[in-house]
Amino acid sequence: MKIRIYYEDTDAGGVVYHSNYLKFCERARSEVLFSKNAQIFDASTGHFFLTSVNCKFIKPAKLGDIVEVKTKIMEIKTASIEILQEIYKDEHKIFRMNGTLAYVREGKPVKMDLEIKKLFEELF
C-alpha cells in the first residue's frame, strides 16, 4: 500500500513522527482486509490485537514523500500471527516492524477459526 506523507504526519522539522510508522502499518493491514471484504472487525466475534512489536527505524520519511508498506506473514499459530512489515521509499527500506497479532474474544486470546487462518495465508 502506498501512502503520501502529509504535514499532519510530521514533526516540526518535516520528518515523519515515529509513532506514525505504526499507523501506516496498521492502515496497510486493514486495507488488505477491507479490499477482500473480510469480516474480522467485529469485536463480538473476535478480533486481532497487536500484543508485541519490535521496530527498526532505518531512514526518515519526510513531508511529501510517497512510501510503500509491504506486509508478510511469518508464522500463523493457534491464536496469533507473527508479521513482518517494512516501509520503503523508492527501493530503499526505511522502517521494519516485527509484531505479534493475538486473536481475542471478550478480552481473552482464543483459537482462530480455520477460515481466518486461511484468509491470512491467502492475502499475505
PDB file of N, CA and C in Angstrom:
ATOM      1  N   MET A   1       0.838  -1.167   0.000  1.00  0.00           N
ATOM      2  CA  MET A   1       0.000   0.000   0.000  1.00  0.00           C
ATOM      3  C   MET A   1       0.891   1.240   0.000  1.00  0.00           C
ATOM      4  N   LYS A   2       0.590   2.163  -0.883  1.00  0.00           N
ATOM      5  CA  LYS A   2       1.356   3.408  -0.960  1.00  0.00           C
ATOM      6  C   LYS A   2       0.663   4.494  -0.144  1.00  0.00           C
ATOM      7  N   ILE A   3       1.489   5.287   0.523  1.00  0.00           N
ATOM      8  CA  ILE A   3       0.992   6.357   1.387  1.00  0.00           C
ATOM      9  C   ILE A   3       1.814   7.613   1.122  1.00  0.00           C
ATOM     10  N   ARG A   4       1.125   8.733   0.932  1.00  0.00           N
ATOM     11  CA  ARG A   4       1.820  10.016   0.822  1.00  0.00           C
ATOM     12  C   ARG A   4       1.969  10.588   2.227  1.00  0.00           C
ATOM     13  N   ILE A   5       3.118  11.196   2.483  1.00  0.00           N
ATOM     14  CA  ILE A   5       3.384  11.802   3.777  1.00  0.00           C
ATOM     15  C   ILE A   5       2.860  13.241   3.755  1.00  0.00           C
ATOM     16  N   TYR A   6       1.919  13.507   4.649  1.00  0.00           N
ATOM     17  CA  TYR A   6       1.313  14.832   4.762  1.00  0.00           C
ATOM     18  C   TYR A   6       1.885  15.587   5.958  1.00  0.00           C
ATOM     19  N   TYR A   7       1.610  16.875   6.004  1.00  0.00           N
ATOM     20  CA  TYR A   7       2.085  17.733   7.086  1.00  0.00           C
ATOM     21  C   TYR A   7       1.697  17.160   8.443  1.00  0.00           C
ATOM     22  N   GLU A   8       0.479  16.642   8.558  1.00  0.00           N
ATOM     23  CA  GLU A   8      -0.011  16.087   9.830  1.00  0.00           C
ATOM     24  C   GLU A   8       0.783  14.871  10.302  1.00  0.00           C
ATOM     25  N   ASP A   9       1.526  14.234   9.399  1.00  0.00           N
ATOM     26  CA  ASP A   9       2.317  13.045   9.735  1.00  0.00           C
ATOM     27  C   ASP A   9       3.695  13.391  10.291  1.00  0.00           C
ATOM     28  N   THR A  10       4.068  14.663  10.212  1.00  0.00           N
ATOM     29  CA  THR A  10       5.452  15.034  10.507  1.00  0.00           C
ATOM     30  C   THR A  10       5.588  15.864  11.789  1.00  0.00           C
ATOM     31  N   ASP A  11       6.827  15.979  12.218  1.00  0.00           N
ATOM     32  CA  ASP A  11       7.145  16.852  13.352  1.00  0.00           C
ATOM     33  C   ASP A  11       7.477  18.245  12.802  1.00  0.00           C
ATOM     34  N   ALA A  12       7.937  19.116  13.643  1.00  0.00           N
ATOM     35  CA  ALA A  12       8.230  20.498  13.238  1.00  0.00           C
ATOM     36  C   ALA A  12       9.319  20.585  12.172  1.00  0.00           C
ATOM     37  N   GLY A  13      10.158  19.552  12.067  1.00  0.00           N
ATOM     38  CA  GLY A  13      11.229  19.548  11.078  1.00  0.00           C
ATOM     39  C   GLY A  13      10.838  18.911   9.754  1.00  0.00           C
ATOM     40  N   GLY A  14       9.565  18.491   9.621  1.00  0.00           N
ATOM     41  CA  GLY A  14       9.110  17.884   8.373  1.00  0.00           C
ATOM     42  C   GLY A  14       9.462  16.414   8.244  1.00  0.00           C
ATOM     43  N   VAL A  15       9.864  15.779   9.350  1.00  0.00           N
ATOM     44  CA  VAL A  15      10.212  14.358   9.366  1.00  0.00           C
ATOM     45  C   VAL A  15       9.050  13.590   9.993  1.00  0.00           C
ATOM     46  N   VAL A  16       8.752  12.414   9.451  1.00  0.00           N
ATOM     47  CA  VAL A  16       7.640  11.620   9.973  1.00  0.00           C
ATOM     48  C   VAL A  16       7.864  11.323  11.444  1.00  0.00           C
ATOM     49  N   TYR A  17       6.857  11.614  12.238  1.00  0.00           N
ATOM     50  CA  TYR A  17       6.881  11.347  13.676  1.00  0.00           C
ATOM     51  C   TYR A  17       6.876   9.841  13.892  1.00  0.00           C
ATOM     52  N   HIS A  18       7.690   9.349  14.823  1.00  0.00           N
ATOM     53  CA  HIS A  18       7.961   7.916  14.962  1.00  0.00           C
ATOM     54  C   HIS A  18       6.709   7.045  15.095  1.00  0.00           C
ATOM     55  N   SER A  19       5.714   7.461  15.843  1.00  0.00           N
ATOM     56  CA  SER A  19       4.533   6.610  16.036  1.00  0.00           C
ATOM     57  C   SER A  19       3.692   6.468  14.769  1.00  0.00           C
ATOM     58  N   ASN A  20       3.857   7.378  13.830  1.00  0.00           N
ATOM     59  CA  ASN A  20       3.072   7.296  12.593  1.00  0.00           C
ATOM     60  C   ASN A  20       3.470   6.114  11.720  1.00  0.00           C
ATOM     61  N   TYR A  21       4.681   5.619  11.860  1.00  0.00           N
ATOM     62  CA  TYR A  21       5.063   4.429  11.113  1.00  0.00           C
ATOM     63  C   TYR A  21       4.174   3.247  11.514  1.00  0.00           C
ATOM     64  N   LEU A  22       3.850   3.159  12.803  1.00  0.00           N
ATOM     65  CA  LEU A  22       2.944   2.096  13.263  1.00  0.00           C
ATOM     66  C   LEU A  22       1.549   2.291  12.678  1.00  0.00           C
ATOM     67  N   LYS A  23       1.100   3.540  12.586  1.00  0.00           N
ATOM     68  CA  LYS A  23      -0.205   3.817  11.976  1.00  0.00           C
ATOM     69  C   LYS A  23      -0.205   3.394  10.503  1.00  0.00           C
ATOM     70  N   PHE A  24       0.868   3.678   9.808  1.00  0.00           N
ATOM     71  CA  PHE A  24       0.948   3.300   8.398  1.00  0.00           C
ATOM     72  C   PHE A  24       0.849   1.779   8.244  1.00  0.00           C
ATOM     73  N   CYS A  25       1.523   1.050   9.129  1.00  0.00           N
ATOM     74  CA  CYS A  25       1.473  -0.416   9.084  1.00  0.00           C
ATOM     75  C   CYS A  25       0.053  -0.918   9.362  1.00  0.00           C
ATOM     76  N   GLU A  26      -0.596  -0.327  10.349  1.00  0.00           N
ATOM     77  CA  GLU A  26      -1.976  -0.709  10.676  1.00  0.00           C
ATOM     78  C   GLU A  26      -2.902  -0.454   9.494  1.00  0.00           C
ATOM     79  N   ARG A  27      -2.757   0.688   8.855  1.00  0.00           N
ATOM     80  CA  ARG A  27      -3.589   1.009   7.685  1.00  0.00           C
ATOM     81  C   ARG A  27      -3.383  -0.013   6.576  1.00  0.00           C
ATOM     82  N   ALA A  28      -2.145  -0.380   6.340  1.00  0.00           N
ATOM     83  CA  ALA A  28      -1.851  -1.334   5.267  1.00  0.00           C
ATOM     84  C   ALA A  28      -2.502  -2.689   5.544  1.00  0.00           C
ATOM     85  N   ARG A  29      -2.413  -3.171   6.793  1.00  0.00           N
ATOM     86  CA  ARG A  29      -3.059  -4.451   7.137  1.00  0.00           C
ATOM     87  C   ARG A  29      -4.570  -4.345   6.961  1.00  0.00           C
ATOM     88  N   SER A  30      -5.137  -3.255   7.449  1.00  0.00           N
ATOM     89  CA  SER A  30      -6.588  -3.082   7.360  1.00  0.00           C
ATOM     90  C   SER A  30      -7.052  -2.957   5.912  1.00  0.00           C
ATOM     91  N   GLU A  31      -6.320  -2.223   5.094  1.00  0.00           N
ATOM     92  CA  GLU A  31      -6.718  -2.035   3.695  1.00  0.00           C
ATOM     93  C   GLU A  31      -6.797  -3.360   2.946  1.00  0.00           C
ATOM     94  N   VAL A  32      -5.838  -4.240   3.189  1.00  0.00           N
ATOM     95  CA  VAL A  32      -5.876  -5.552   2.534  1.00  0.00           C
ATOM     96  C   VAL A  32      -7.153  -6.288   2.934  1.00  0.00           C
ATOM     97  N   LEU A  33      -7.478  -6.255   4.207  1.00  0.00           N
ATOM     98  CA  LEU A  33      -8.675  -6.948   4.686  1.00  0.00           C
ATOM     99  C   LEU A  33      -9.947  -6.288   4.172  1.00  0.00           C
ATOM    100  N   PHE A  34      -9.996  -4.953   4.158  1.00  0.00           N
ATOM    101  CA  PHE A  34     -11.159  -4.253   3.598  1.00  0.00           C
ATOM    102  C   PHE A  34     -11.347  -4.591   2.127  1.00  0.00           C
ATOM    103  N   SER A  35     -10.249  -4.681   1.378  1.00  0.00           N
ATOM    104  CA  SER A  35     -10.333  -4.938  -0.064  1.00  0.00           C
ATOM    105  C   SER A  35     -10.940  -6.308  -0.372  1.00  0.00           C
ATOM    106  N   LYS A  36     -10.860  -7.227   0.578  1.00  0.00           N
ATOM    107  CA  LYS A  36     -11.419  -8.569   0.389  1.00  0.00           C
ATOM    108  C   LYS A  36     -12.712  -8.771   1.176  1.00  0.00           C
ATOM    109  N   ASN A  37     -13.272  -7.657   1.703  1.00  0.00           N
ATOM    110  CA  ASN A  37     -14.497  -7.715   2.498  1.00  0.00           C
ATOM    111  C   ASN A  37     -14.411  -8.712   3.643  1.00  0.00           C
ATOM    112  N   ALA A  38     -13.240  -8.816   4.235  1.00  0.00           N
ATOM    113  CA  ALA A  38     -13.047  -9.730   5.358  1.00  0.00           C
ATOM    114  C   ALA A  38     -13.869  -9.252   6.546  1.00  0.00           C
ATOM    115  N   GLN A  39     -14.570 -10.162   7.155  1.00  0.00           N
ATOM    116  CA  GLN A  39     -15.436  -9.840   8.286  1.00  0.00           C
ATOM    117  C   GLN A  39     -14.742 -10.165   9.604  1.00  0.00           C
ATOM    118  N   ILE A  40     -13.655  -9.450   9.890  1.00  0.00           N
ATOM    119  CA  ILE A  40     -12.921  -9.732  11.130  1.00  0.00           C
ATOM    120  C   ILE A  40     -12.820  -8.507  12.031  1.00  0.00           C
ATOM    121  N   PHE A  41     -13.645  -7.504  11.778  1.00  0.00           N
ATOM    122  CA  PHE A  41     -13.567  -6.285  12.574  1.00  0.00           C
ATOM    123  C   PHE A  41     -14.679  -6.192  13.615  1.00  0.00           C
ATOM    124  N   ASP A  42     -15.399  -7.272  13.831  1.00  0.00           N
ATOM    125  CA  ASP A  42     -16.474  -7.301  14.821  1.00  0.00           C
ATOM    126  C   ASP A  42     -15.934  -7.877  16.118  1.00  0.00           C
ATOM    127  N   ALA A  43     -15.771  -7.020  17.113  1.00  0.00           N
ATOM    128  CA  ALA A  43     -15.161  -7.446  18.374  1.00  0.00           C
ATOM    129  C   ALA A  43     -15.966  -8.530  19.077  1.00  0.00           C
ATOM    130  N   SER A  44     -17.268  -8.618  18.812  1.00  0.00           N
ATOM    131  CA  SER A  44     -18.081  -9.631  19.496  1.00  0.00           C
ATOM    132  C   SER A  44     -17.790 -11.044  18.996  1.00  0.00           C
ATOM    133  N   THR A  45     -17.267 -11.165  17.781  1.00  0.00           N
ATOM    134  CA  THR A  45     -16.950 -12.490  17.241  1.00  0.00           C
ATOM    135  C   THR A  45     -15.459 -12.802  17.303  1.00  0.00           C
ATOM    136  N   GLY A  46     -14.658 -11.815  17.637  1.00  0.00           N
ATOM    137  CA  GLY A  46     -13.213 -11.979  17.721  1.00  0.00           C
ATOM    138  C   GLY A  46     -12.513 -10.965  16.835  1.00  0.00           C
ATOM    139  N   HIS A  47     -11.374 -10.521  17.286  1.00  0.00           N
ATOM    140  CA  HIS A  47     -10.603  -9.551  16.505  1.00  0.00           C
ATOM    141  C   HIS A  47      -9.128  -9.662  16.884  1.00  0.00           C
ATOM    142  N   PHE A  48      -8.293  -8.960  16.124  1.00  0.00           N
ATOM    143  CA  PHE A  48      -6.851  -9.010  16.361  1.00  0.00           C
ATOM    144  C   PHE A  48      -6.397  -7.814  17.189  1.00  0.00           C
ATOM    145  N   PHE A  49      -5.396  -8.074  18.010  1.00  0.00           N
ATOM    146  CA  PHE A  49      -4.844  -7.090  18.924  1.00  0.00           C
ATOM    147  C   PHE A  49      -3.324  -7.194  18.837  1.00  0.00           C
ATOM    148  N   LEU A  50      -2.669  -6.090  18.555  1.00  0.00           N
ATOM    149  CA  LEU A  50      -1.211  -6.083  18.469  1.00  0.00           C
ATOM    150  C   LEU A  50      -0.643  -6.188  19.886  1.00  0.00           C
ATOM    151  N   THR A  51      -0.015  -7.322  20.196  1.00  0.00           N
ATOM    152  CA  THR A  51       0.452  -7.566  21.568  1.00  0.00           C
ATOM    153  C   THR A  51       1.932  -7.288  21.770  1.00  0.00           C
ATOM    154  N   SER A  52       2.707  -7.356  20.714  1.00  0.00           N
ATOM    155  CA  SER A  52       4.120  -7.004  20.839  1.00  0.00           C
ATOM    156  C   SER A  52       4.613  -6.473  19.502  1.00  0.00           C
ATOM    157  N   VAL A  53       5.612  -5.626  19.593  1.00  0.00           N
ATOM    158  CA  VAL A  53       6.156  -5.013  18.385  1.00  0.00           C
ATOM    159  C   VAL A  53       7.625  -4.683  18.624  1.00  0.00           C
ATOM    160  N   ASN A  54       8.433  -4.899  17.586  1.00  0.00           N
ATOM    161  CA  ASN A  54       9.844  -4.561  17.611  1.00  0.00           C
ATOM    162  C   ASN A  54      10.113  -3.761  16.341  1.00  0.00           C
ATOM    163  N   CYS A  55      10.502  -2.510  16.502  1.00  0.00           N
ATOM    164  CA  CYS A  55      10.675  -1.615  15.357  1.00  0.00           C
ATOM    165  C   CYS A  55      12.125  -1.239  15.136  1.00  0.00           C
ATOM    166  N   LYS A  56      12.452  -1.055  13.877  1.00  0.00           N
ATOM    167  CA  LYS A  56      13.777  -0.566  13.495  1.00  0.00           C
ATOM    168  C   LYS A  56      13.561   0.613  12.550  1.00  0.00           C
ATOM    169  N   PHE A  57      13.974   1.790  12.997  1.00  0.00           N
ATOM    170  CA  PHE A  57      13.888   2.993  12.184  1.00  0.00           C
ATOM    171  C   PHE A  57      15.213   3.126  11.438  1.00  0.00           C
ATOM    172  N   ILE A  58      15.169   2.994  10.120  1.00  0.00           N
ATOM    173  CA  ILE A  58      16.396   2.932   9.334  1.00  0.00           C
ATOM    174  C   ILE A  58      16.752   4.289   8.736  1.00  0.00           C
ATOM    175  N   LYS A  59      15.780   4.919   8.074  1.00  0.00           N
ATOM    176  CA  LYS A  59      15.959   6.251   7.493  1.00  0.00           C
ATOM    177  C   LYS A  59      14.627   6.988   7.640  1.00  0.00           C
ATOM    178  N   PRO A  60      14.660   8.310   7.722  1.00  0.00           N
ATOM    179  CA  PRO A  60      13.402   9.034   7.885  1.00  0.00           C
ATOM    180  C   PRO A  60      12.647   9.225   6.571  1.00  0.00           C
ATOM    181  N   ALA A  61      11.334   9.281   6.686  1.00  0.00           N
ATOM    182  CA  ALA A  61      10.493   9.752   5.586  1.00  0.00           C
ATOM    183  C   ALA A  61      10.168  11.204   5.889  1.00  0.00           C
ATOM    184  N   LYS A  62       9.936  11.984   4.839  1.00  0.00           N
ATOM    185  CA  LYS A  62       9.730  13.424   5.010  1.00  0.00           C
ATOM    186  C   LYS A  62       8.464  13.883   4.291  1.00  0.00           C
ATOM    187  N   LEU A  63       8.054  15.057   4.641  1.00  0.00           N
ATOM    188  CA  LEU A  63       6.879  15.677   4.061  1.00  0.00           C
ATOM    189  C   LEU A  63       6.910  15.582   2.532  1.00  0.00           C
ATOM    190  N   GLY A  64       5.812  15.069   1.961  1.00  0.00           N
ATOM    191  CA  GLY A  64       5.695  14.946   0.508  1.00  0.00           C
ATOM    192  C   GLY A  64       6.147  13.619  -0.056  1.00  0.00           C
ATOM    193  N   ASP A  65       6.916  12.855   0.710  1.00  0.00           N
ATOM    194  CA  ASP A  65       7.372  11.544   0.230  1.00  0.00           C
ATOM    195  C   ASP A  65       6.187  10.609  -0.004  1.00  0.00           C
ATOM    196  N   ILE A  66       6.388   9.659  -0.882  1.00  0.00           N
ATOM    197  CA  ILE A  66       5.446   8.556  -1.049  1.00  0.00           C
ATOM    198  C   ILE A  66       6.182   7.304  -0.616  1.00  0.00           C
ATOM    199  N   VAL A  67       5.597   6.608   0.347  1.00  0.00           N
ATOM    200  CA  VAL A  67       6.207   5.391   0.872  1.00  0.00           C
ATOM    201  C   VAL A  67       5.272   4.220   0.589  1.00  0.00           C
ATOM    202  N   GLU A  68       5.844   3.023   0.635  1.00  0.00           N
ATOM    203  CA  GLU A  68       5.048   1.818   0.404  1.00  0.00           C
ATOM    204  C   GLU A  68       5.248   0.856   1.565  1.00  0.00           C
ATOM    205  N   VAL A  69       4.125   0.360   2.096  1.00  0.00           N
ATOM    206  CA  VAL A  69       4.155  -0.607   3.193  1.00  0.00           C
ATOM    207  C   VAL A  69       3.968  -1.997   2.598  1.00  0.00           C
ATOM    208  N   LYS A  70       4.887  -2.908   2.931  1.00  0.00           N
ATOM    209  CA  LYS A  70       4.806  -4.292   2.487  1.00  0.00           C
ATOM    210  C   LYS A  70       4.650  -5.179   3.716  1.00  0.00           C
ATOM    211  N   THR A  71       3.733  -6.129   3.629  1.00  0.00           N
ATOM    212  CA  THR A  71       3.408  -6.989   4.765  1.00  0.00           C
ATOM    213  C   THR A  71       3.644  -8.441   4.413  1.00  0.00           C
ATOM    214  N   LYS A  72       4.278  -9.167   5.341  1.00  0.00           N
ATOM    215  CA  LYS A  72       4.489 -10.606   5.180  1.00  0.00           C
ATOM    216  C   LYS A  72       4.056 -11.302   6.456  1.00  0.00           C
ATOM    217  N   ILE A  73       3.411 -12.429   6.300  1.00  0.00           N
ATOM    218  CA  ILE A  73       3.086 -13.281   7.442  1.00  0.00           C
ATOM    219  C   ILE A  73       4.274 -14.206   7.644  1.00  0.00           C
ATOM    220  N   MET A  74       4.835 -14.186   8.836  1.00  0.00           N
ATOM    221  CA  MET A  74       5.985 -15.022   9.131  1.00  0.00           C
ATOM    222  C   MET A  74       5.557 -16.381   9.692  1.00  0.00           C
ATOM    223  N   GLU A  75       4.517 -16.382  10.520  1.00  0.00           N
ATOM    224  CA  GLU A  75       4.039 -17.631  11.116  1.00  0.00           C
ATOM    225  C   GLU A  75       2.605 -17.446  11.600  1.00  0.00           C
ATOM    226  N   ILE A  76       1.789 -18.451  11.334  1.00  0.00           N
ATOM    227  CA  ILE A  76       0.420 -18.466  11.840  1.00  0.00           C
ATOM    228  C   ILE A  76       0.348 -19.543  12.901  1.00  0.00           C
ATOM    229  N   LYS A  77       0.018 -19.118  14.110  1.00  0.00           N
ATOM    230  CA  LYS A  77      -0.091 -20.041  15.234  1.00  0.00           C
ATOM    231  C   LYS A  77      -1.563 -20.273  15.549  1.00  0.00           C
ATOM    232  N   THR A  78      -1.839 -20.962  16.633  1.00  0.00           N
ATOM    233  CA  THR A  78      -3.214 -21.288  17.006  1.00  0.00           C
ATOM    234  C   THR A  78      -4.042 -20.045  17.308  1.00  0.00           C
ATOM    235  N   ALA A  79      -3.461 -19.111  18.063  1.00  0.00           N
ATOM    236  CA  ALA A  79      -4.217 -17.929  18.484  1.00  0.00           C
ATOM    237  C   ALA A  79      -3.491 -16.623  18.163  1.00  0.00           C
ATOM    238  N   SER A  80      -2.471 -16.688  17.306  1.00  0.00           N
ATOM    239  CA  SER A  80      -1.734 -15.464  16.977  1.00  0.00           C
ATOM    240  C   SER A  80      -1.060 -15.587  15.616  1.00  0.00           C
ATOM    241  N   ILE A  81      -0.641 -14.448  15.132  1.00  0.00           N
ATOM    242  CA  ILE A  81       0.047 -14.356  13.844  1.00  0.00           C
ATOM    243  C   ILE A  81       1.286 -13.494  14.029  1.00  0.00           C
ATOM    244  N   GLU A  82       2.420 -13.992  13.557  1.00  0.00           N
ATOM    245  CA  GLU A  82       3.668 -13.224  13.567  1.00  0.00           C
ATOM    246  C   GLU A  82       3.798 -12.550  12.207  1.00  0.00           C
ATOM    247  N   ILE A  83       3.982 -11.225  12.220  1.00  0.00           N
ATOM    248  CA  ILE A  83       4.052 -10.478  10.966  1.00  0.00           C
ATOM    249  C   ILE A  83       5.354  -9.706  10.854  1.00  0.00           C
ATOM    250  N   LEU A  84       5.698  -9.406   9.616  1.00  0.00           N
ATOM    251  CA  LEU A  84       6.807  -8.515   9.296  1.00  0.00           C
ATOM    252  C   LEU A  84       6.240  -7.459   8.368  1.00  0.00           C
ATOM    253  N   GLN A  85       6.423  -6.205   8.737  1.00  0.00           N
ATOM    254  CA  GLN A  85       6.018  -5.120   7.854  1.00  0.00           C
ATOM    255  C   GLN A  85       7.213  -4.210   7.641  1.00  0.00           C
ATOM    256  N   GLU A  86       7.411  -3.857   6.385  1.00  0.00           N
ATOM    257  CA  GLU A  86       8.523  -2.990   6.013  1.00  0.00           C
ATOM    258  C   GLU A  86       7.979  -1.824   5.210  1.00  0.00           C
ATOM    259  N   ILE A  87       8.572  -0.666   5.431  1.00  0.00           N
ATOM    260  CA  ILE A  87       8.185   0.528   4.686  1.00  0.00           C
ATOM    261  C   ILE A  87       9.368   0.932   3.823  1.00  0.00           C
ATOM    262  N   TYR A  88       9.064   1.183   2.553  1.00  0.00           N
ATOM    263  CA  TYR A  88      10.071   1.551   1.567  1.00  0.00           C
ATOM    264  C   TYR A  88       9.793   2.943   1.011  1.00  0.00           C
ATOM    265  N   LYS A  89      10.856   3.671   0.759  1.00  0.00           N
ATOM    266  CA  LYS A  89      10.793   4.909  -0.018  1.00  0.00           C
ATOM    267  C   LYS A  89      11.617   4.635  -1.258  1.00  0.00           C
ATOM    268  N   ASP A  90      10.961   4.669  -2.399  1.00  0.00           N
ATOM    269  CA  ASP A  90      11.560   4.207  -3.641  1.00  0.00           C
ATOM    270  C   ASP A  90      11.956   2.740  -3.416  1.00  0.00           C
ATOM    271  N   GLU A  91      13.172   2.383  -3.627  1.00  0.00           N
ATOM    272  CA  GLU A  91      13.605   0.995  -3.433  1.00  0.00           C
ATOM    273  C   GLU A  91      14.347   0.798  -2.114  1.00  0.00           C
ATOM    274  N   HIS A  92      14.360   1.828  -1.274  1.00  0.00           N
ATOM    275  CA  HIS A  92      15.136   1.791  -0.041  1.00  0.00           C
ATOM    276  C   HIS A  92      14.242   1.522   1.170  1.00  0.00           C
ATOM    277  N   LYS A  93      14.597   0.500   1.938  1.00  0.00           N
ATOM    278  CA  LYS A  93      13.862   0.196   3.154  1.00  0.00           C
ATOM    279  C   LYS A  93      14.178   1.264   4.190  1.00  0.00           C
ATOM    280  N   ILE A  94      13.103   1.851   4.770  1.00  0.00           N
ATOM    281  CA  ILE A  94      13.321   2.903   5.762  1.00  0.00           C
ATOM    282  C   ILE A  94      12.800   2.524   7.154  1.00  0.00           C
ATOM    283  N   PHE A  95      12.015   1.444   7.241  1.00  0.00           N
ATOM    284  CA  PHE A  95      11.428   1.047   8.525  1.00  0.00           C
ATOM    285  C   PHE A  95      11.103  -0.438   8.476  1.00  0.00           C
ATOM    286  N   ARG A  96      11.281  -1.104   9.625  1.00  0.00           N
ATOM    287  CA  ARG A  96      10.929  -2.525   9.739  1.00  0.00           C
ATOM    288  C   ARG A  96      10.237  -2.743  11.076  1.00  0.00           C
ATOM    289  N   MET A  97       9.180  -3.537  11.038  1.00  0.00           N
ATOM    290  CA  MET A  97       8.443  -3.863  12.250  1.00  0.00           C
ATOM    291  C   MET A  97       8.132  -5.350  12.278  1.00  0.00           C
ATOM    292  N   ASN A  98       8.529  -6.020  13.352  1.00  0.00           N
ATOM    293  CA  ASN A  98       8.096  -7.385  13.615  1.00  0.00           C
ATOM    294  C   ASN A  98       7.041  -7.284  14.703  1.00  0.00           C
ATOM    295  N   GLY A  99       5.927  -7.975  14.521  1.00  0.00           N
ATOM    296  CA  GLY A  99       4.874  -7.880  15.521  1.00  0.00           C
ATOM    297  C   GLY A  99       4.110  -9.171  15.690  1.00  0.00           C
ATOM    298  N   THR A 100       3.388  -9.241  16.793  1.00  0.00           N
ATOM    299  CA  THR A 100       2.509 -10.365  17.076  1.00  0.00           C
ATOM    300  C   THR A 100       1.085  -9.845  17.180  1.00  0.00           C
ATOM    301  N   LEU A 101       0.214 -10.442  16.380  1.00  0.00           N
ATOM    302  CA  LEU A 101      -1.210 -10.134  16.442  1.00  0.00           C
ATOM    303  C   LEU A 101      -1.906 -11.297  17.138  1.00  0.00           C
ATOM    304  N   ALA A 102      -2.492 -11.033  18.290  1.00  0.00           N
ATOM    305  CA  ALA A 102      -3.230 -12.072  19.006  1.00  0.00           C
ATOM    306  C   ALA A 102      -4.691 -11.999  18.602  1.00  0.00           C
ATOM    307  N   TYR A 103      -5.310 -13.152  18.470  1.00  0.00           N
ATOM    308  CA  TYR A 103      -6.742 -13.206  18.175  1.00  0.00           C
ATOM    309  C   TYR A 103      -7.467 -13.307  19.506  1.00  0.00           C
ATOM    310  N   VAL A 104      -8.339 -12.349  19.788  1.00  0.00           N
ATOM    311  CA  VAL A 104      -9.008 -12.286  21.081  1.00  0.00           C
ATOM    312  C   VAL A 104     -10.523 -12.198  20.922  1.00  0.00           C
ATOM    313  N   ARG A 105     -11.194 -12.704  21.935  1.00  0.00           N
ATOM    314  CA  ARG A 105     -12.651 -12.595  22.035  1.00  0.00           C
ATOM    315  C   ARG A 105     -12.952 -12.328  23.500  1.00  0.00           C
ATOM    316  N   GLU A 106     -13.726 -11.297  23.746  1.00  0.00           N
ATOM    317  CA  GLU A 106     -14.072 -10.902  25.116  1.00  0.00           C
ATOM    318  C   GLU A 106     -12.820 -10.683  25.964  1.00  0.00           C
ATOM    319  N   GLY A 107     -11.793 -10.115  25.347  1.00  0.00           N
ATOM    320  CA  GLY A 107     -10.577  -9.761  26.060  1.00  0.00           C
ATOM    321  C   GLY A 107      -9.608 -10.893  26.332  1.00  0.00           C
ATOM    322  N   LYS A 108      -9.885 -12.090  25.807  1.00  0.00           N
ATOM    323  CA  LYS A 108      -9.010 -13.232  26.061  1.00  0.00           C
ATOM    324  C   LYS A 108      -8.550 -13.850  24.736  1.00  0.00           C
ATOM    325  N   PRO A 109      -7.300 -14.303  24.680  1.00  0.00           N
ATOM    326  CA  PRO A 109      -6.838 -14.990  23.467  1.00  0.00           C
ATOM    327  C   PRO A 109      -7.645 -16.266  23.232  1.00  0.00           C
ATOM    328  N   VAL A 110      -8.032 -16.481  21.981  1.00  0.00           N
ATOM    329  CA  VAL A 110      -8.781 -17.684  21.614  1.00  0.00           C
ATOM    330  C   VAL A 110      -8.229 -18.249  20.314  1.00  0.00           C
ATOM    331  N   LYS A 111      -8.522 -19.504  20.091  1.00  0.00           N
ATOM    332  CA  LYS A 111      -8.105 -20.191  18.873  1.00  0.00           C
ATOM    333  C   LYS A 111      -8.812 -19.562  17.667  1.00  0.00           C
ATOM    334  N   MET A 112      -8.032 -19.323  16.617  1.00  0.00           N
ATOM    335  CA  MET A 112      -8.607 -18.778  15.384  1.00  0.00           C
ATOM    336  C   MET A 112      -9.374 -19.858  14.643  1.00  0.00           C
ATOM    337  N   ASP A 113     -10.460 -19.430  14.004  1.00  0.00           N
ATOM    338  CA  ASP A 113     -11.186 -20.339  13.125  1.00  0.00           C
ATOM    339  C   ASP A 113     -10.314 -20.655  11.918  1.00  0.00           C
ATOM    340  N   LEU A 114     -10.525 -21.807  11.317  1.00  0.00           N
ATOM    341  CA  LEU A 114      -9.748 -22.190  10.133  1.00  0.00           C
ATOM    342  C   LEU A 114      -9.936 -21.202   8.990  1.00  0.00           C
ATOM    343  N   GLU A 115     -11.138 -20.607   8.883  1.00  0.00           N
ATOM    344  CA  GLU A 115     -11.398 -19.635   7.808  1.00  0.00           C
ATOM    345  C   GLU A 115     -10.502 -18.404   7.957  1.00  0.00           C
ATOM    346  N   ILE A 116     -10.273 -17.976   9.191  1.00  0.00           N
ATOM    347  CA  ILE A 116      -9.432 -16.799   9.424  1.00  0.00           C
ATOM    348  C   ILE A 116      -7.979 -17.124   9.097  1.00  0.00           C
ATOM    349  N   LYS A 117      -7.521 -18.283   9.513  1.00  0.00           N
ATOM    350  CA  LYS A 117      -6.153 -18.691   9.182  1.00  0.00           C
ATOM    351  C   LYS A 117      -5.970 -18.741   7.668  1.00  0.00           C
ATOM    352  N   LYS A 118      -6.932 -19.334   6.990  1.00  0.00           N
ATOM    353  CA  LYS A 118      -6.850 -19.459   5.531  1.00  0.00           C
ATOM    354  C   LYS A 118      -6.848 -18.082   4.870  1.00  0.00           C
ATOM    355  N   LEU A 119      -7.666 -17.177   5.390  1.00  0.00           N
ATOM    356  CA  LEU A 119      -7.721 -15.814   4.849  1.00  0.00           C
ATOM    357  C   LEU A 119      -6.346 -15.153   4.904  1.00  0.00           C
ATOM    358  N   PHE A 120      -5.679 -15.243   6.029  1.00  0.00           N
ATOM    359  CA  PHE A 120      -4.357 -14.617   6.167  1.00  0.00           C
ATOM    360  C   PHE A 120      -3.326 -15.317   5.289  1.00  0.00           C
ATOM    361  N   GLU A 121      -3.405 -16.617   5.158  1.00  0.00           N
ATOM    362  CA  GLU A 121      -2.477 -17.330   4.281  1.00  0.00           C
ATOM    363  C   GLU A 121      -2.637 -16.869   2.840  1.00  0.00           C
ATOM    364  N   GLU A 122      -3.875 -16.645   2.421  1.00  0.00           N
ATOM    365  CA  GLU A 122      -4.144 -16.231   1.029  1.00  0.00           C
ATOM    366  C   GLU A 122      -3.791 -14.765   0.777  1.00  0.00           C
ATOM    367  N   LEU A 123      -4.102 -13.906   1.727  1.00  0.00           N
ATOM    368  CA  LEU A 123      -3.929 -12.466   1.499  1.00  0.00           C
ATOM    369  C   LEU A 123      -2.482 -12.016   1.592  1.00  0.00           C
ATOM    370  N   PHE A 124      -1.726 -12.628   2.459  1.00  0.00           N
ATOM    371  CA  PHE A 124      -0.370 -12.152   2.685  1.00  0.00           C
ATOM    372  C   PHE A 124       0.628 -13.209   2.252  1.00  0.00           C
TER     373      PHE A 124
END
